[in-house]
Amino acid sequence: MKLSIIIPAYNVEKYIKKTINSLIAQTKKGFEIIIVDDGSTDNTLKVISECIEENNLDYCKVIQKANGGVSTARNEGIEAAKGKYIMFLDGDDYVDKDTVEHIYKNIDEVGKDVLFWGCNIVDENGSVLQNYSDVYKLKQKNMTGTEALNNMINYKNMWLYTGSAVYRKEFLSLYNLRYKEGCANGEDQEFTIKSLSRAKTVAFIDKTLTCYVMRGTSISNSYNIKRFDAMFAMQRTYKYIDKLGDSELEIISAKMKNEHMVDNYIYNFDCCLDCIYKNGAFNKDSFKKLYDDIERDYPTLNREVISIMKKYSGKNIKILFKVKMFLTSPQLYSGIFKLKNKIKK
């Protein structure tokens, strides 16, 4: 068995059929599908069972478990996988019909630790919100894991999404690479960056083969303080990299510790403010409410990030401007935020 495709599924009754159908339609067969139902409370399991029965999917295995989060579901899928390579798809993502064919062709040619390709971000109706090839311009086809991280973090000419890569199972086992359980946001990039920090050989397929669905109800589109879990995922990641003792990786780690911690915090802070604004509840106290909510759930985070902000040396002028406002006048920050949204509207 060359490939195992792991799909964690939690309350995705409206989407999972499209995900499964995109795999049924593959031009190349000979792979297994492992769907891990993470304690769904809707009709997800019923839809999955009907798809399997209607299409006689003897290569599809379903694992049922109590709800424990997407990381536990993916990790359980890894343990059950029989394929030489492992791919992860979310329960609402879908792939091009030639995806497995391209994967097999490149596995046969290169046999890398990690193989990845382009991914479009789409809405629930399939309309493209971000075209991968418009944003990322990677020309390099073969690289080391360190080169891949430089391309992602320093040059910003590529990105790995959860559903746009395969990993050699022996490679994952060798370094005990798993998803961080209990993390609600950022666990995917933590896994990706840790994997690339260990990878000796990485290959890129210059095609867009996956569609990542951005749902309106997802954590990234809602006022959910758990989105700041991503900050601690980043901390775990750069600490992991530091322990490897690689001078090239230490440069990447330093950028994550400083510039990316601030960028990520500001991004999540603004997304929460956006949700308040869209709900018509934005007022002069919104900044303080959000700040206090973060303080309640993550007692050390605000102070740690503010300490980094005071030494921020990133080259992103937009972020630098926001940092200066954040540190000197929350009222001004809120005012400009409100004005920006009024203009946008």
Protein backbone atom coordinates (compact mmCIF):
# COMPACT_ATOMS: atom_id res chain seq x y z
CA MET A 1 0.00 0.00 0.00
CA LYS A 2 1.53 3.29 -1.11
CA LEU A 3 -0.85 5.85 0.36
CA SER A 4 -3.18 6.28 3.33
CA ILE A 5 -5.52 9.31 3.32
CA ILE A 6 -6.64 10.24 6.85
CA ILE A 7 -9.81 12.28 7.31
CA PRO A 8 -10.83 13.48 10.80
CA ALA A 9 -14.58 14.11 10.79
CA TYR A 10 -16.58 16.03 13.37
CA ASN A 11 -20.08 17.31 12.54
CA VAL A 12 -19.42 17.68 8.81
CA GLU A 13 -22.61 16.08 7.51
CA LYS A 14 -22.99 18.85 4.89
CA TYR A 15 -19.46 18.48 3.52
CA ILE A 16 -18.04 14.99 4.01
CA LYS A 17 -19.78 13.49 0.97
CA LYS A 18 -18.01 15.94 -1.36
CA THR A 19 -14.70 15.06 0.28
CA ILE A 20 -15.26 11.33 -0.16
CA ASN A 21 -16.57 11.74 -3.72
CA SER A 22 -13.41 13.62 -4.70
CA LEU A 23 -11.43 10.54 -3.62
CA ILE A 24 -13.79 8.09 -5.34
CA ALA A 25 -13.24 10.04 -8.58
CA GLN A 26 -9.44 9.58 -8.51
CA THR A 27 -7.91 8.50 -11.81
CA LYS A 28 -5.38 6.39 -9.89
CA LYS A 29 -6.58 3.77 -7.42
CA GLY A 30 -4.73 1.61 -4.89
CA PHE A 31 -4.90 3.78 -1.77
CA GLU A 32 -6.78 3.53 1.51
CA ILE A 33 -9.10 6.03 3.15
CA ILE A 34 -9.22 6.19 6.95
CA ILE A 35 -12.07 8.31 8.28
CA VAL A 36 -11.89 9.00 12.02
CA ASP A 37 -15.29 10.07 13.35
CA ASP A 38 -14.43 12.24 16.33
CA GLY A 39 -17.67 11.76 18.27
CA SER A 40 -19.92 13.60 15.80
CA THR A 41 -23.36 14.52 17.14
CA ASP A 42 -25.03 15.14 13.75
CA ASN A 43 -25.51 12.77 10.78
CA THR A 44 -21.85 12.67 9.77
CA LEU A 45 -21.48 8.95 10.47
CA LYS A 46 -24.72 8.16 8.61
CA VAL A 47 -23.55 10.08 5.52
CA ILE A 48 -20.17 8.30 5.61
CA SER A 49 -21.82 4.86 5.93
CA GLU A 50 -24.15 5.59 3.02
CA CYS A 51 -21.22 6.70 0.81
CA ILE A 52 -19.29 3.53 1.62
CA GLU A 53 -22.28 1.27 0.96
CA GLU A 54 -23.43 3.01 -2.23
CA ASN A 55 -19.94 2.94 -3.77
CA ASN A 56 -18.75 -0.38 -2.32
CA LEU A 57 -15.69 1.28 -0.82
CA ASP A 58 -13.75 -1.70 0.47
CA TYR A 59 -10.67 0.52 0.71
CA CYS A 60 -12.34 2.88 3.19
CA LYS A 61 -12.04 2.24 6.92
CA VAL A 62 -14.05 4.09 9.59
CA ILE A 63 -12.79 4.55 13.15
CA GLN A 64 -15.23 5.79 15.78
CA LYS A 65 -13.97 7.53 18.89
CA ALA A 66 -15.15 9.86 21.63
CA ASN A 67 -14.70 13.53 20.83
CA GLY A 68 -11.13 14.56 21.57
CA GLY A 69 -10.27 17.11 18.90
CA VAL A 70 -8.80 17.01 15.43
CA SER A 71 -5.27 16.19 16.64
CA THR A 72 -6.33 13.01 18.46
CA ALA A 73 -8.27 11.96 15.37
CA ARG A 74 -5.31 12.49 13.03
CA ASN A 75 -2.94 10.72 15.42
CA GLU A 76 -5.26 7.73 15.65
CA GLY A 77 -5.36 7.66 11.85
CA ILE A 78 -1.56 7.61 11.69
CA GLU A 79 -1.45 4.56 13.96
CA ALA A 80 -3.99 2.72 11.79
CA ALA A 81 -2.43 3.67 8.44
CA LYS A 82 -0.88 0.94 6.30
CA GLY A 83 0.43 3.17 3.54
CA LYS A 84 4.06 4.03 2.92
CA TYR A 85 2.94 7.67 2.70
CA ILE A 86 0.30 9.51 4.71
CA MET A 87 -1.94 12.36 3.60
CA PHE A 88 -4.35 14.37 5.77
CA LEU A 89 -7.61 15.88 4.53
CA ASP A 90 -10.12 17.77 6.64
CA GLY A 91 -13.72 16.60 6.45
CA ASP A 92 -14.75 19.50 4.24
CA ASP A 93 -11.73 19.70 1.91
CA TYR A 94 -11.64 18.10 -1.51
CA VAL A 95 -9.04 17.28 -4.14
CA ASP A 96 -8.57 17.27 -7.90
CA LYS A 97 -9.29 13.94 -9.62
CA ASP A 98 -5.61 13.61 -10.63
CA THR A 99 -4.21 14.17 -7.13
CA VAL A 100 -3.31 10.56 -6.31
CA GLU A 101 -1.91 10.04 -9.80
CA HIS A 102 0.45 13.01 -9.35
CA ILE A 103 1.41 11.80 -5.86
CA TYR A 104 2.23 8.28 -7.10
CA LYS A 105 4.22 9.59 -10.03
CA ASN A 106 6.35 11.77 -7.78
CA ILE A 107 6.70 9.15 -5.04
CA ASP A 108 8.07 6.75 -7.65
CA GLU A 109 10.45 9.37 -9.01
CA VAL A 110 11.77 10.93 -5.81
CA GLY A 111 10.72 9.00 -2.68
CA LYS A 112 11.03 12.10 -0.49
CA ASP A 113 10.30 12.58 3.22
CA VAL A 114 7.72 15.23 2.32
CA LEU A 115 5.94 15.87 -0.97
CA PHE A 116 3.62 18.88 -1.38
CA TRP A 117 1.63 20.87 -3.95
CA GLY A 118 -0.55 23.97 -4.25
CA CYS A 119 -3.84 24.51 -2.43
CA ASN A 120 -6.62 27.02 -3.19
CA ILE A 121 -8.71 28.52 -0.39
CA VAL A 122 -12.41 28.43 -1.34
CA ASP A 123 -15.71 29.29 0.32
CA GLU A 124 -18.52 26.83 0.99
CA ASN A 125 -19.86 27.35 -2.54
CA GLY A 126 -16.52 26.58 -4.14
CA SER A 127 -15.68 30.17 -5.09
CA VAL A 128 -11.94 30.82 -4.90
CA LEU A 129 -10.96 33.20 -2.10
CA GLN A 130 -7.22 32.77 -2.63
CA ASN A 131 -5.57 31.25 -5.65
CA TYR A 132 -2.35 29.54 -4.58
CA SER A 133 -0.40 30.34 -7.75
CA ASP A 134 -1.30 34.04 -7.47
CA VAL A 135 0.28 34.28 -4.03
CA TYR A 136 3.17 31.81 -4.05
CA LYS A 137 5.80 31.70 -6.80
CA LEU A 138 8.10 28.80 -5.87
CA LYS A 139 10.27 27.61 -8.76
CA GLN A 140 12.35 25.09 -6.82
CA LYS A 141 11.17 21.47 -7.23
CA ASN A 142 13.54 19.65 -4.87
CA MET A 143 14.92 20.96 -1.60
CA THR A 144 15.93 20.12 1.94
CA GLY A 145 13.53 20.68 4.82
CA THR A 146 15.56 23.72 5.91
CA GLU A 147 15.32 25.20 2.42
CA ALA A 148 11.56 24.59 2.48
CA LEU A 149 11.26 26.44 5.81
CA ASN A 150 13.29 29.33 4.42
CA ASN A 151 10.96 29.44 1.42
CA MET A 152 7.93 29.49 3.75
CA ILE A 153 9.08 31.79 6.51
CA ASN A 154 11.72 34.07 5.00
CA TYR A 155 11.00 34.21 1.27
CA LYS A 156 7.24 33.52 1.56
CA ASN A 157 7.10 31.88 -1.86
CA MET A 158 5.42 28.63 -0.73
CA TRP A 159 3.07 27.25 1.92
CA LEU A 160 2.08 23.79 3.13
CA TYR A 161 -1.57 23.31 4.05
CA THR A 162 -2.77 20.25 5.94
CA GLY A 163 -4.36 18.78 2.81
CA SER A 164 -1.58 19.67 0.36
CA ALA A 165 1.20 17.32 1.42
CA VAL A 166 2.11 13.68 2.00
CA TYR A 167 4.59 12.44 4.57
CA ARG A 168 6.62 9.24 4.54
CA LYS A 169 5.28 7.15 7.42
CA GLU A 170 8.71 5.81 8.42
CA PHE A 171 9.94 9.41 8.58
CA LEU A 172 7.07 10.38 10.94
CA SER A 173 7.76 7.32 13.11
CA LEU A 174 11.52 7.93 13.20
CA TYR A 175 11.08 11.38 14.76
CA ASN A 176 7.80 10.65 16.58
CA LEU A 177 6.07 13.44 14.68
CA ARG A 178 2.44 13.75 15.79
CA TYR A 179 -0.22 16.45 16.13
CA LYS A 180 -0.36 18.25 19.49
CA GLU A 181 -3.45 17.00 21.29
CA GLY A 182 -5.63 19.58 23.03
CA CYS A 183 -4.50 22.42 20.74
CA ALA A 184 -7.49 24.11 19.06
CA ASN A 185 -5.60 26.30 16.56
CA GLY A 186 -2.14 26.23 15.00
CA GLU A 187 -1.61 22.49 15.51
CA ASP A 188 -1.39 22.00 11.74
CA GLN A 189 1.46 24.46 11.21
CA GLU A 190 3.22 23.15 14.32
CA PHE A 191 3.19 19.67 12.76
CA THR A 192 4.25 20.99 9.35
CA ILE A 193 7.17 23.10 10.59
CA LYS A 194 8.45 20.43 12.97
CA SER A 195 8.30 17.90 10.12
CA LEU A 196 10.18 20.17 7.72
CA SER A 197 12.83 20.86 10.37
CA ARG A 198 13.57 17.13 10.36
CA ALA A 199 13.12 16.41 6.65
CA LYS A 200 16.21 15.75 4.57
CA THR A 201 14.36 15.61 1.25
CA VAL A 202 11.30 17.62 0.18
CA ALA A 203 9.70 17.85 -3.28
CA PHE A 204 7.15 20.23 -4.79
CA ILE A 205 4.53 19.37 -7.42
CA ASP A 206 3.90 22.57 -9.34
CA LYS A 207 0.14 22.09 -9.54
CA THR A 208 -2.85 23.13 -7.41
CA LEU A 209 -4.54 19.88 -6.38
CA THR A 210 -6.39 20.63 -3.11
CA CYS A 211 -9.21 22.98 -2.14
CA TYR A 212 -9.28 24.12 1.49
CA VAL A 213 -12.79 25.21 2.45
CA MET A 214 -13.02 28.34 4.61
CA ARG A 215 -16.30 27.97 6.48
CA GLY A 216 -18.09 30.92 8.08
CA THR A 217 -18.46 28.96 11.31
CA SER A 218 -14.81 27.92 11.59
CA ILE A 219 -12.59 29.10 14.47
CA SER A 220 -10.83 31.43 12.02
CA ASN A 221 -14.11 33.23 11.30
CA SER A 222 -15.54 33.54 14.80
CA TYR A 223 -14.93 35.33 18.09
CA ASN A 224 -13.13 32.44 19.73
CA ILE A 225 -10.31 33.07 22.18
CA LYS A 226 -9.08 29.52 21.56
CA ARG A 227 -7.62 30.85 18.31
CA PHE A 228 -4.76 32.15 20.49
CA ASP A 229 -3.72 28.52 21.02
CA ALA A 230 -1.73 29.22 17.86
CA MET A 231 0.66 31.38 19.85
CA PHE A 232 1.64 28.49 22.09
CA ALA A 233 1.86 26.18 19.08
CA MET A 234 4.43 28.60 17.70
CA GLN A 235 6.32 28.66 21.00
CA ARG A 236 6.48 24.85 21.09
CA THR A 237 7.67 24.86 17.49
CA TYR A 238 10.59 27.26 17.88
CA LYS A 239 11.67 25.58 21.12
CA TYR A 240 11.63 22.24 19.27
CA ILE A 241 13.77 23.72 16.49
CA ASP A 242 16.23 25.27 18.96
CA LYS A 243 16.92 21.86 20.49
CA LEU A 244 18.09 20.54 17.12
CA GLY A 245 21.22 22.72 17.35
CA ASP A 246 21.27 23.62 13.65
CA SER A 247 22.62 27.11 12.93
CA GLU A 248 20.48 27.59 9.80
CA LEU A 249 17.34 26.54 11.63
CA GLU A 250 18.21 28.85 14.54
CA ILE A 251 17.89 31.83 12.18
CA ILE A 252 14.39 30.67 11.23
CA SER A 253 13.57 30.06 14.88
CA ALA A 254 14.68 33.60 15.81
CA LYS A 255 12.32 35.05 13.23
CA MET A 256 9.46 32.95 14.63
CA LYS A 257 10.22 34.07 18.20
CA ASN A 258 10.12 37.73 17.34
CA GLU A 259 8.48 38.81 14.11
CA HIS A 260 6.04 35.90 13.70
CA MET A 261 4.86 35.89 17.31
CA VAL A 262 3.85 39.54 16.96
CA ASP A 263 2.37 39.11 13.46
CA ASN A 264 0.31 36.14 14.61
CA TYR A 265 -0.96 37.87 17.74
CA ILE A 266 -1.98 41.02 15.83
CA TYR A 267 -3.67 38.92 13.14
CA ASN A 268 -5.74 36.96 15.67
CA PHE A 269 -6.50 40.10 17.68
CA ASP A 270 -7.80 41.87 14.58
CA CYS A 271 -9.84 38.83 13.50
CA CYS A 272 -11.62 38.84 16.87
CA LEU A 273 -12.28 42.57 16.57
CA ASP A 274 -13.62 41.95 13.06
CA CYS A 275 -16.11 39.44 14.43
CA ILE A 276 -17.30 41.94 17.06
CA TYR A 277 -17.69 44.57 14.34
CA LYS A 278 -19.60 42.27 11.97
CA ASN A 279 -21.98 41.41 14.80
CA GLY A 280 -22.69 45.10 15.32
CA ALA A 281 -21.30 45.09 18.86
CA PHE A 282 -18.11 47.10 18.34
CA ASN A 283 -17.66 50.05 20.75
CA LYS A 284 -14.97 51.92 22.66
CA ASP A 285 -14.68 49.06 25.16
CA SER A 286 -14.21 46.27 22.57
CA PHE A 287 -10.40 46.45 22.67
CA LYS A 288 -10.34 46.12 26.46
CA LYS A 289 -12.91 43.30 26.46
CA LEU A 290 -10.85 41.28 24.00
CA TYR A 291 -7.60 42.00 25.86
CA ASP A 292 -9.22 40.93 29.15
CA ASP A 293 -10.64 37.76 27.59
CA ILE A 294 -7.15 36.80 26.41
CA GLU A 295 -5.77 37.60 29.87
CA ARG A 296 -8.40 35.37 31.47
CA ASP A 297 -7.70 32.33 29.27
CA TYR A 298 -3.96 32.88 28.76
CA PRO A 299 -2.66 34.77 31.84
CA THR A 300 0.91 35.21 30.55
CA LEU A 301 0.35 35.75 26.84
CA ASN A 302 -0.38 39.50 26.67
CA ARG A 303 2.67 40.41 28.72
CA GLU A 304 4.94 38.10 26.75
CA VAL A 305 3.81 39.49 23.41
CA ILE A 306 4.01 43.12 24.58
CA SER A 307 7.59 42.46 25.70
CA ILE A 308 8.38 41.21 22.18
CA MET A 309 6.51 44.14 20.60
CA LYS A 310 8.79 46.60 22.38
CA LYS A 311 11.77 45.07 20.54
CA TYR A 312 9.92 44.34 17.29
CA SER A 313 12.20 44.64 14.28
CA GLY A 314 9.99 43.22 11.53
CA LYS A 315 10.01 44.90 8.10
CA ASN A 316 6.24 44.79 7.63
CA ILE A 317 5.32 48.49 7.83
CA LYS A 318 1.64 47.73 8.37
CA ILE A 319 2.36 45.49 11.37
CA LEU A 320 4.95 47.96 12.72
CA PHE A 321 2.35 50.74 12.61
CA LYS A 322 -0.17 48.55 14.46
CA VAL A 323 2.42 47.61 17.07
CA LYS A 324 3.18 51.29 17.77
CA MET A 325 -0.54 52.03 18.17
CA PHE A 326 -1.11 48.94 20.31
CA LEU A 327 1.63 49.97 22.71
CA THR A 328 0.86 53.68 22.91
CA SER A 329 -2.91 54.09 22.50
CA PRO A 330 -5.50 51.30 22.46
CA GLN A 331 -8.13 54.02 21.88
CA LEU A 332 -6.35 55.12 18.69
CA TYR A 333 -5.99 51.47 17.62
CA SER A 334 -9.75 50.96 18.07
CA GLY A 335 -10.59 54.21 16.32
CA ILE A 336 -8.51 53.47 13.24
CA PHE A 337 -9.81 49.90 13.18
CA LYS A 338 -13.41 51.19 13.20
CA LEU A 339 -12.64 53.78 10.51
CA LYS A 340 -10.99 51.16 8.30
CA ASN A 341 -14.05 48.91 8.50
CA LYS A 342 -16.41 51.81 7.76
CA ILE A 343 -14.40 52.65 4.64
CA LYS A 344 -14.30 48.99 3.62
CA LYS A 345 -18.07 48.73 4.09
